Every structure is written in structure tokens, then in C-alpha cells.
Amino acid sequence: MDTQTHGLAGQILHGEFDDSLEAILDAVTERRKATRSVRVAQAFSGFSVGDTVRFNDRTRPKYLVGVEGTITRKRQSKVEVTIGADAGKFRAGSPIVVPVELIDAV
């Protein structure tokens, strides 16, 4: 943490903003949503139909982690990935619609 951020966090921890905690929490929540939206949009624009991808460690169920597939369709902020091998209940050739945060380019 840089000095300025540490200072603000310290002030909050010491109760200097107790009357404003709900407003601070709301502001932080909104800011996190906004930055997530930007990250999702950037990640989404970085993928194209036909790209080979791999499910990353944020994926649930865990048996999909490391499974490779091909993007076969883009849908708003999600992609359809057709997997290349059987994995748990999913069979090779099965399309799985997932948020872009769960896949990495190969």
C-alpha cells in the first residue's frame, strides 16, 4: 500500500469516518463494479471466435480447470467455449457459456 492509501485506511480503522462508513462502503462497492466492468470489456474485446482458450483457476467446477476449448460464439460479456476433451459431466464438443474472467488465451 502506498503512503496515501495507507493513511486513509488507517484513518478509517481508527474511527475518523465512523459517521460516513455506509457512504464509504457504497462508494467502494460502486467503484469495484465500475472497474470490473472495464476489465470485463477489455478481456471480452481481446477474444475472437476461433481462439483457443483454457479454463483458469477461478473456474468452478474445479475439474474444468486446465481444460482447453475453442471460442465458438460471443454473447454480451460471456463466451461460448466448445471443449476439446471430456471433463466431468461435459463431453468433448460440448459448448459451455462462461464469463470471460474464467478463461485465458492459449
C-alpha atoms as a PDB file:
ATOM      1  CA  MET A   1       0.000   0.000   0.000  1.00  0.00           C
ATOM      2  CA  ASP A   2       1.300   3.456  -0.799  1.00  0.00           C
ATOM      3  CA  THR A   3       1.520   6.048   1.979  1.00  0.00           C
ATOM      4  CA  GLN A   4      -1.609   7.959   0.975  1.00  0.00           C
ATOM      5  CA  THR A   5      -3.805   4.854   0.753  1.00  0.00           C
ATOM      6  CA  HIS A   6      -2.355   3.505   3.983  1.00  0.00           C
ATOM      7  CA  GLY A   7      -3.124   6.830   5.639  1.00  0.00           C
ATOM      8  CA  LEU A   8      -6.765   6.759   4.563  1.00  0.00           C
ATOM      9  CA  ALA A   9      -7.147   3.115   5.569  1.00  0.00           C
ATOM     10  CA  GLY A  10      -5.575   3.948   8.910  1.00  0.00           C
ATOM     11  CA  GLN A  11      -7.971   6.843   9.441  1.00  0.00           C
ATOM     12  CA  ILE A  12     -10.935   4.581   8.716  1.00  0.00           C
ATOM     13  CA  LEU A  13      -9.576   1.899  11.053  1.00  0.00           C
ATOM     14  CA  HIS A  14      -9.156   4.478  13.816  1.00  0.00           C
ATOM     15  CA  GLY A  15     -12.769   5.633  13.514  1.00  0.00           C
ATOM     16  CA  GLU A  16     -12.233   9.038  11.950  1.00  0.00           C
ATOM     17  CA  PHE A  17     -15.018   8.408   9.420  1.00  0.00           C
ATOM     18  CA  ASP A  18     -17.451   6.395  11.536  1.00  0.00           C
ATOM     19  CA  ASP A  19     -20.344   8.687  10.601  1.00  0.00           C
ATOM     20  CA  SER A  20     -19.689   8.067   6.916  1.00  0.00           C
ATOM     21  CA  LEU A  21     -18.973   4.314   6.834  1.00  0.00           C
ATOM     22  CA  GLU A  22     -22.124   3.427   4.867  1.00  0.00           C
ATOM     23  CA  ALA A  23     -21.387   6.097   2.248  1.00  0.00           C
ATOM     24  CA  ILE A  24     -17.780   4.913   2.018  1.00  0.00           C
ATOM     25  CA  LEU A  25     -18.902   1.304   1.613  1.00  0.00           C
ATOM     26  CA  ASP A  26     -21.378   2.306  -1.106  1.00  0.00           C
ATOM     27  CA  ALA A  27     -18.697   4.299  -2.931  1.00  0.00           C
ATOM     28  CA  VAL A  28     -16.213   1.417  -2.767  1.00  0.00           C
ATOM     29  CA  THR A  29     -18.848  -1.050  -3.993  1.00  0.00           C
ATOM     30  CA  GLU A  30     -19.737   1.167  -6.959  1.00  0.00           C
ATOM     31  CA  ARG A  31     -16.081   1.730  -7.806  1.00  0.00           C
ATOM     32  CA  ARG A  32     -15.392  -2.019  -7.725  1.00  0.00           C
ATOM     33  CA  LYS A  33     -18.336  -2.600 -10.097  1.00  0.00           C
ATOM     34  CA  ALA A  34     -17.048   0.066 -12.481  1.00  0.00           C
ATOM     35  CA  THR A  35     -13.505  -1.279 -12.558  1.00  0.00           C
ATOM     36  CA  ARG A  36     -14.799  -4.839 -13.021  1.00  0.00           C
ATOM     37  CA  SER A  37     -16.909  -3.663 -15.961  1.00  0.00           C
ATOM     38  CA  VAL A  38     -13.842  -2.132 -17.597  1.00  0.00           C
ATOM     39  CA  ARG A  39     -11.772  -5.300 -17.028  1.00  0.00           C
ATOM     40  CA  VAL A  40     -14.547  -7.495 -18.454  1.00  0.00           C
ATOM     41  CA  ALA A  41     -14.946  -5.265 -21.513  1.00  0.00           C
ATOM     42  CA  GLN A  42     -11.196  -5.291 -22.153  1.00  0.00           C
ATOM     43  CA  ALA A  43     -10.980  -9.068 -21.737  1.00  0.00           C
ATOM     44  CA  PHE A  44     -14.048  -9.625 -23.910  1.00  0.00           C
ATOM     45  CA  SER A  45     -12.675  -7.488 -26.728  1.00  0.00           C
ATOM     46  CA  GLY A  46      -9.420  -9.457 -26.592  1.00  0.00           C
ATOM     47  CA  PHE A  47     -11.127 -12.709 -27.584  1.00  0.00           C
ATOM     48  CA  SER A  48     -12.396 -13.741 -31.012  1.00  0.00           C
ATOM     49  CA  VAL A  49     -14.429 -16.640 -32.302  1.00  0.00           C
ATOM     50  CA  GLY A  50     -11.946 -19.400 -33.139  1.00  0.00           C
ATOM     51  CA  ASP A  51      -9.475 -18.551 -30.342  1.00  0.00           C
ATOM     52  CA  THR A  52      -8.132 -21.427 -28.290  1.00  0.00           C
ATOM     53  CA  VAL A  53      -8.584 -20.866 -24.566  1.00  0.00           C
ATOM     54  CA  ARG A  54      -8.012 -22.663 -21.275  1.00  0.00           C
ATOM     55  CA  PHE A  55     -10.218 -22.570 -18.180  1.00  0.00           C
ATOM     56  CA  ASN A  56      -8.303 -20.853 -15.358  1.00  0.00           C
ATOM     57  CA  ASP A  57      -8.178 -21.468 -11.604  1.00  0.00           C
ATOM     58  CA  ARG A  58     -11.233 -19.280 -10.910  1.00  0.00           C
ATOM     59  CA  THR A  59     -13.392 -21.830 -12.729  1.00  0.00           C
ATOM     60  CA  ARG A  60     -15.965 -23.924 -10.907  1.00  0.00           C
ATOM     61  CA  PRO A  61     -16.384 -26.863 -11.055  1.00  0.00           C
ATOM     62  CA  LYS A  62     -12.682 -27.451 -10.498  1.00  0.00           C
ATOM     63  CA  TYR A  63     -12.482 -30.346 -12.962  1.00  0.00           C
ATOM     64  CA  LEU A  64     -12.725 -27.774 -15.772  1.00  0.00           C
ATOM     65  CA  VAL A  65      -9.523 -26.003 -14.670  1.00  0.00           C
ATOM     66  CA  GLY A  66      -6.895 -26.509 -17.378  1.00  0.00           C
ATOM     67  CA  VAL A  67      -9.370 -27.836 -19.950  1.00  0.00           C
ATOM     68  CA  GLU A  68      -8.857 -26.314 -23.383  1.00  0.00           C
ATOM     69  CA  GLY A  69     -11.507 -25.346 -25.860  1.00  0.00           C
ATOM     70  CA  THR A  70     -12.346 -23.050 -28.723  1.00  0.00           C
ATOM     71  CA  ILE A  71     -14.483 -19.926 -28.587  1.00  0.00           C
ATOM     72  CA  THR A  72     -17.446 -20.630 -30.835  1.00  0.00           C
ATOM     73  CA  ARG A  73     -19.617 -17.627 -30.014  1.00  0.00           C
ATOM     74  CA  LYS A  74     -19.532 -14.307 -28.165  1.00  0.00           C
ATOM     75  CA  ARG A  75     -22.562 -13.223 -26.132  1.00  0.00           C
ATOM     76  CA  GLN A  76     -22.535  -9.779 -24.469  1.00  0.00           C
ATOM     77  CA  SER A  77     -19.976 -10.317 -21.661  1.00  0.00           C
ATOM     78  CA  LYS A  78     -19.786 -14.107 -21.950  1.00  0.00           C
ATOM     79  CA  VAL A  79     -18.347 -16.513 -24.472  1.00  0.00           C
ATOM     80  CA  GLU A  80     -19.347 -19.960 -25.624  1.00  0.00           C
ATOM     81  CA  VAL A  81     -16.425 -22.366 -25.405  1.00  0.00           C
ATOM     82  CA  THR A  82     -16.559 -25.775 -27.063  1.00  0.00           C
ATOM     83  CA  ILE A  83     -14.267 -28.086 -25.128  1.00  0.00           C
ATOM     84  CA  GLY A  84     -11.896 -30.473 -26.835  1.00  0.00           C
ATOM     85  CA  ALA A  85     -11.915 -33.318 -24.282  1.00  0.00           C
ATOM     86  CA  ASP A  86     -14.311 -34.899 -21.802  1.00  0.00           C
ATOM     87  CA  ALA A  87     -14.287 -33.167 -18.411  1.00  0.00           C
ATOM     88  CA  GLY A  88     -16.602 -34.274 -15.614  1.00  0.00           C
ATOM     89  CA  LYS A  89     -20.185 -34.074 -16.836  1.00  0.00           C
ATOM     90  CA  PHE A  90     -19.136 -32.207 -20.004  1.00  0.00           C
ATOM     91  CA  ARG A  91     -18.312 -34.166 -23.160  1.00  0.00           C
ATOM     92  CA  ALA A  92     -15.857 -33.230 -25.892  1.00  0.00           C
ATOM     93  CA  GLY A  93     -17.622 -30.933 -28.326  1.00  0.00           C
ATOM     94  CA  SER A  94     -19.961 -29.609 -25.625  1.00  0.00           C
ATOM     95  CA  PRO A  95     -20.472 -25.837 -25.669  1.00  0.00           C
ATOM     96  CA  ILE A  96     -20.157 -24.132 -22.277  1.00  0.00           C
ATOM     97  CA  VAL A  97     -21.178 -20.482 -21.827  1.00  0.00           C
ATOM     98  CA  VAL A  98     -18.854 -18.757 -19.339  1.00  0.00           C
ATOM     99  CA  PRO A  99     -17.825 -15.262 -18.208  1.00  0.00           C
ATOM    100  CA  VAL A 100     -14.563 -14.163 -19.825  1.00  0.00           C
ATOM    101  CA  GLU A 101     -12.901 -13.977 -16.400  1.00  0.00           C
ATOM    102  CA  LEU A 102     -12.822 -17.796 -16.339  1.00  0.00           C
ATOM    103  CA  ILE A 103     -10.722 -18.284 -19.444  1.00  0.00           C
ATOM    104  CA  ASP A 104      -7.204 -17.442 -20.569  1.00  0.00           C
ATOM    105  CA  ALA A 105      -5.816 -17.347 -24.094  1.00  0.00           C
ATOM    106  CA  VAL A 106      -3.571 -20.271 -25.044  1.00  0.00           C
END
